[in-house]
């Protein structure tokens, strides 16, 4: 019996690759599919690596922006301090401006009085102004007194 089985087994073995549902062919097909999927995974990994590189660049840019933002916050605080100082200075200037206007009006009045004295007693010549200067001062004092009455 062993002799009859050998030729049959040999025939079956030779016919095995020709059979449509051969296990070897199925394994080959599965390996080909696996290789395609592995190449797709490799492409995906390459894309992930590029994305990681871009994310690292973005992280560096965000760190730079955070530094710039901190500097801007410091500058904003300093500008707030400067703004407060300028407001204080403006208030002081307004006070001084009112005082200077009052002094200017007083000096104009005093000059007018001195010019009146000069015109009354010509030999004293206290003011030292020429006739043209006197006329100009009188017109300025009239303009100033007209502006001062509107306030």
C-alpha atoms as a PDB file:
ATOM      1  CA  UNK A   1       0.000   0.000   0.000  1.00  0.00           C
ATOM      2  CA  UNK A   2       2.680   2.473   0.615  1.00  0.00           C
ATOM      3  CA  UNK A   3       3.692   2.191  -2.987  1.00  0.00           C
ATOM      4  CA  UNK A   4       0.283   3.219  -4.299  1.00  0.00           C
ATOM      5  CA  UNK A   5       0.049   6.200  -2.107  1.00  0.00           C
ATOM      6  CA  UNK A   6       3.318   7.702  -3.247  1.00  0.00           C
ATOM      7  CA  UNK A   7       2.309   8.265  -6.889  1.00  0.00           C
ATOM      8  CA  UNK A   8      -1.063   9.654  -5.822  1.00  0.00           C
ATOM      9  CA  UNK A   9       0.536  11.974  -3.304  1.00  0.00           C
ATOM     10  CA  UNK A  10       3.034  13.060  -5.916  1.00  0.00           C
ATOM     11  CA  UNK A  11       0.250  13.850  -8.405  1.00  0.00           C
ATOM     12  CA  UNK A  12      -1.659  15.794  -5.805  1.00  0.00           C
ATOM     13  CA  UNK A  13       1.454  17.690  -4.865  1.00  0.00           C
ATOM     14  CA  UNK A  14       2.075  18.655  -8.494  1.00  0.00           C
ATOM     15  CA  UNK A  15      -1.522  19.733  -9.000  1.00  0.00           C
ATOM     16  CA  UNK A  16      -1.651  21.802  -5.793  1.00  0.00           C
ATOM     17  CA  UNK A  17      -0.238  25.038  -7.306  1.00  0.00           C
ATOM     18  CA  UNK A  18      -2.806  24.863 -10.088  1.00  0.00           C
ATOM     19  CA  UNK A  19      -5.735  24.694  -7.760  1.00  0.00           C
ATOM     20  CA  UNK A  20      -7.725  27.980  -7.568  1.00  0.00           C
ATOM     21  CA  UNK A  21      -7.955  28.194  -3.756  1.00  0.00           C
ATOM     22  CA  UNK A  22      -4.359  27.492  -3.056  1.00  0.00           C
ATOM     23  CA  UNK A  23      -3.113  28.571   0.366  1.00  0.00           C
ATOM     24  CA  UNK A  24       0.230  29.682  -1.042  1.00  0.00           C
ATOM     25  CA  UNK A  25      -1.495  32.068  -3.464  1.00  0.00           C
ATOM     26  CA  UNK A  26      -3.667  33.439  -0.648  1.00  0.00           C
ATOM     27  CA  UNK A  27      -0.581  34.014   1.496  1.00  0.00           C
ATOM     28  CA  UNK A  28       1.151  35.737  -1.416  1.00  0.00           C
ATOM     29  CA  UNK A  29      -1.872  38.012  -1.964  1.00  0.00           C
ATOM     30  CA  UNK A  30      -2.061  38.839   1.741  1.00  0.00           C
ATOM     31  CA  UNK A  31       1.652  39.671   1.826  1.00  0.00           C
ATOM     32  CA  UNK A  32       1.198  41.977  -1.200  1.00  0.00           C
ATOM     33  CA  UNK A  33      -1.719  43.735   0.514  1.00  0.00           C
ATOM     34  CA  UNK A  34       0.338  44.002   3.731  1.00  0.00           C
ATOM     35  CA  UNK A  35       3.229  45.528   1.782  1.00  0.00           C
ATOM     36  CA  UNK A  36       0.896  48.118   0.223  1.00  0.00           C
ATOM     37  CA  UNK A  37      -0.478  48.997   3.639  1.00  0.00           C
ATOM     38  CA  UNK A  38       3.058  49.240   5.057  1.00  0.00           C
ATOM     39  CA  UNK A  39       4.060  51.651   2.277  1.00  0.00           C
ATOM     40  CA  UNK A  40       0.939  53.737   3.037  1.00  0.00           C
ATOM     41  CA  UNK A  41       1.905  53.712   6.719  1.00  0.00           C
ATOM     42  CA  UNK A  42       5.439  54.820   5.790  1.00  0.00           C
ATOM     43  CA  UNK A  43       3.982  57.717   3.772  1.00  0.00           C
ATOM     44  CA  UNK A  44       1.758  58.612   6.710  1.00  0.00           C
ATOM     45  CA  UNK A  45       4.769  58.579   9.043  1.00  0.00           C
ATOM     46  CA  UNK A  46       6.641  60.870   6.648  1.00  0.00           C
ATOM     47  CA  UNK A  47       3.687  63.264   6.712  1.00  0.00           C
ATOM     48  CA  UNK A  48       3.566  63.073  10.506  1.00  0.00           C
ATOM     49  CA  UNK A  49       7.305  63.859  10.671  1.00  0.00           C
ATOM     50  CA  UNK A  50       6.800  66.914   8.446  1.00  0.00           C
ATOM     51  CA  UNK A  51       3.867  67.988  10.605  1.00  0.00           C
ATOM     52  CA  UNK A  52       6.017  67.572  13.728  1.00  0.00           C
ATOM     53  CA  UNK A  53       8.724  69.743  12.167  1.00  0.00           C
ATOM     54  CA  UNK A  54       6.162  72.421  11.377  1.00  0.00           C
ATOM     55  CA  UNK A  55       4.760  72.187  14.896  1.00  0.00           C
ATOM     56  CA  UNK A  56       8.243  72.679  16.355  1.00  0.00           C
ATOM     57  CA  UNK A  57       8.680  75.788  14.204  1.00  0.00           C
ATOM     58  CA  UNK A  58       5.280  77.063  15.348  1.00  0.00           C
ATOM     59  CA  UNK A  59       6.251  76.385  18.949  1.00  0.00           C
ATOM     60  CA  UNK A  60       9.410  78.470  18.513  1.00  0.00           C
ATOM     61  CA  UNK A  61       7.395  81.257  16.893  1.00  0.00           C
ATOM     62  CA  UNK A  62       4.872  81.148  19.747  1.00  0.00           C
ATOM     63  CA  UNK A  63       7.718  81.418  22.255  1.00  0.00           C
ATOM     64  CA  UNK A  64       8.989  84.466  20.367  1.00  0.00           C
ATOM     65  CA  UNK A  65       5.478  85.954  20.338  1.00  0.00           C
ATOM     66  CA  UNK A  66       5.142  85.342  24.077  1.00  0.00           C
ATOM     67  CA  UNK A  67       8.397  87.209  24.629  1.00  0.00           C
ATOM     68  CA  UNK A  68       7.217  90.069  22.418  1.00  0.00           C
ATOM     69  CA  UNK A  69       3.876  90.124  24.235  1.00  0.00           C
ATOM     70  CA  UNK A  70       5.650  90.368  27.599  1.00  0.00           C
ATOM     71  CA  UNK A  71       7.769  93.248  26.282  1.00  0.00           C
ATOM     72  CA  UNK A  72       4.663  94.990  24.971  1.00  0.00           C
ATOM     73  CA  UNK A  73       2.967  94.603  28.355  1.00  0.00           C
ATOM     74  CA  UNK A  74       6.009  96.213  30.020  1.00  0.00           C
ATOM     75  CA  UNK A  75       5.977  99.041  27.476  1.00  0.00           C
ATOM     76  CA  UNK A  76       2.236  99.507  28.014  1.00  0.00           C
ATOM     77  CA  UNK A  77       2.774  99.816  31.768  1.00  0.00           C
ATOM     78  CA  UNK A  78       5.548 102.359  31.233  1.00  0.00           C
ATOM     79  CA  UNK A  79       3.370 104.326  28.821  1.00  0.00           C
ATOM     80  CA  UNK A  80       0.625 104.354  31.453  1.00  0.00           C
ATOM     81  CA  UNK A  81       3.089 105.847  33.924  1.00  0.00           C
ATOM     82  CA  UNK A  82       4.230 108.420  31.369  1.00  0.00           C
ATOM     83  CA  UNK A  83       0.603 109.250  30.552  1.00  0.00           C
ATOM     84  CA  UNK A  84      -0.082 109.887  34.237  1.00  0.00           C
ATOM     85  CA  UNK A  85       2.978 112.120  34.428  1.00  0.00           C
ATOM     86  CA  UNK A  86       1.862 114.045  31.352  1.00  0.00           C
ATOM     87  CA  UNK A  87      -1.602 114.563  32.801  1.00  0.00           C
ATOM     88  CA  UNK A  88      -0.034 115.952  35.979  1.00  0.00           C
ATOM     89  CA  UNK A  89       2.214 118.209  33.896  1.00  0.00           C
ATOM     90  CA  UNK A  90      -0.775 119.388  31.843  1.00  0.00           C
ATOM     91  CA  UNK A  91      -2.638 120.308  35.025  1.00  0.00           C
ATOM     92  CA  UNK A  92       0.397 122.248  36.294  1.00  0.00           C
ATOM     93  CA  UNK A  93       0.784 124.030  32.946  1.00  0.00           C
ATOM     94  CA  UNK A  94      -2.884 125.040  33.008  1.00  0.00           C
ATOM     95  CA  UNK A  95      -2.401 126.532  36.471  1.00  0.00           C
ATOM     96  CA  UNK A  96       0.767 128.316  35.355  1.00  0.00           C
ATOM     97  CA  UNK A  97      -0.887 129.494  32.154  1.00  0.00           C
ATOM     98  CA  UNK A  98      -3.642 131.192  34.119  1.00  0.00           C
ATOM     99  CA  UNK A  99      -1.053 132.793  36.407  1.00  0.00           C
ATOM    100  CA  UNK A 100       1.033 133.924  33.415  1.00  0.00           C
ATOM    101  CA  UNK A 101      -2.034 135.464  31.777  1.00  0.00           C
ATOM    102  CA  UNK A 102      -2.772 137.384  34.954  1.00  0.00           C
ATOM    103  CA  UNK A 103       0.867 138.564  35.183  1.00  0.00           C
ATOM    104  CA  UNK A 104       0.825 139.533  31.492  1.00  0.00           C
ATOM    105  CA  UNK A 105      -2.371 141.538  31.946  1.00  0.00           C
ATOM    106  CA  UNK A 106      -0.919 143.194  35.035  1.00  0.00           C
ATOM    107  CA  UNK A 107       2.315 144.089  33.209  1.00  0.00           C
ATOM    108  CA  UNK A 108       0.341 145.460  30.259  1.00  0.00           C
ATOM    109  CA  UNK A 109      -1.671 147.596  32.650  1.00  0.00           C
ATOM    110  CA  UNK A 110       1.508 148.741  34.375  1.00  0.00           C
ATOM    111  CA  UNK A 111       3.122 149.618  31.062  1.00  0.00           C
ATOM    112  CA  UNK A 112       0.038 151.567  30.054  1.00  0.00           C
ATOM    113  CA  UNK A 113       0.214 153.443  33.361  1.00  0.00           C
ATOM    114  CA  UNK A 114       3.909 154.201  32.811  1.00  0.00           C
ATOM    115  CA  UNK A 115       3.173 155.408  29.282  1.00  0.00           C
ATOM    116  CA  UNK A 116       0.407 157.635  30.668  1.00  0.00           C
ATOM    117  CA  UNK A 117       2.868 159.046  33.182  1.00  0.00           C
ATOM    118  CA  UNK A 118       5.408 159.597  30.372  1.00  0.00           C
ATOM    119  CA  UNK A 119       2.849 161.417  28.280  1.00  0.00           C
ATOM    120  CA  UNK A 120       1.774 163.558  31.237  1.00  0.00           C
ATOM    121  CA  UNK A 121       5.285 164.365  32.409  1.00  0.00           C
ATOM    122  CA  UNK A 122       7.370 164.169  29.232  1.00  0.00           C
ATOM    123  CA  UNK A 123      10.722 165.094  30.791  1.00  0.00           C
ATOM    124  CA  UNK A 124      10.729 161.916  33.026  1.00  0.00           C
ATOM    125  CA  UNK A 125      10.730 159.446  30.095  1.00  0.00           C
ATOM    126  CA  UNK A 126      10.292 156.354  32.319  1.00  0.00           C
ATOM    127  CA  UNK A 127       9.042 153.885  29.724  1.00  0.00           C
ATOM    128  CA  UNK A 128      11.754 154.262  27.100  1.00  0.00           C
ATOM    129  CA  UNK A 129       9.218 153.437  24.357  1.00  0.00           C
ATOM    130  CA  UNK A 130       9.020 155.330  21.079  1.00  0.00           C
ATOM    131  CA  UNK A 131       5.756 156.767  19.867  1.00  0.00           C
ATOM    132  CA  UNK A 132       5.270 153.751  17.544  1.00  0.00           C
ATOM    133  CA  UNK A 133       5.847 151.324  20.413  1.00  0.00           C
ATOM    134  CA  UNK A 134       3.337 153.210  22.547  1.00  0.00           C
ATOM    135  CA  UNK A 135       0.699 153.018  19.817  1.00  0.00           C
ATOM    136  CA  UNK A 136       1.353 149.299  19.327  1.00  0.00           C
ATOM    137  CA  UNK A 137       1.164 148.614  23.077  1.00  0.00           C
ATOM    138  CA  UNK A 138      -2.077 150.528  23.345  1.00  0.00           C
ATOM    139  CA  UNK A 139      -3.612 148.519  20.491  1.00  0.00           C
ATOM    140  CA  UNK A 140      -2.390 145.275  22.063  1.00  0.00           C
ATOM    141  CA  UNK A 141      -3.766 146.191  25.454  1.00  0.00           C
ATOM    142  CA  UNK A 142      -7.121 147.005  23.866  1.00  0.00           C
ATOM    143  CA  UNK A 143      -7.105 143.627  22.056  1.00  0.00           C
ATOM    144  CA  UNK A 144      -6.049 141.772  25.223  1.00  0.00           C
ATOM    145  CA  UNK A 145      -8.690 143.487  27.322  1.00  0.00           C
ATOM    146  CA  UNK A 146     -11.277 142.613  24.657  1.00  0.00           C
ATOM    147  CA  UNK A 147     -10.200 138.923  24.752  1.00  0.00           C
ATOM    148  CA  UNK A 148     -10.052 138.834  28.534  1.00  0.00           C
ATOM    149  CA  UNK A 149     -13.602 140.074  28.876  1.00  0.00           C
ATOM    150  CA  UNK A 150     -14.871 137.089  26.818  1.00  0.00           C
ATOM    151  CA  UNK A 151     -13.575 134.547  29.369  1.00  0.00           C
END
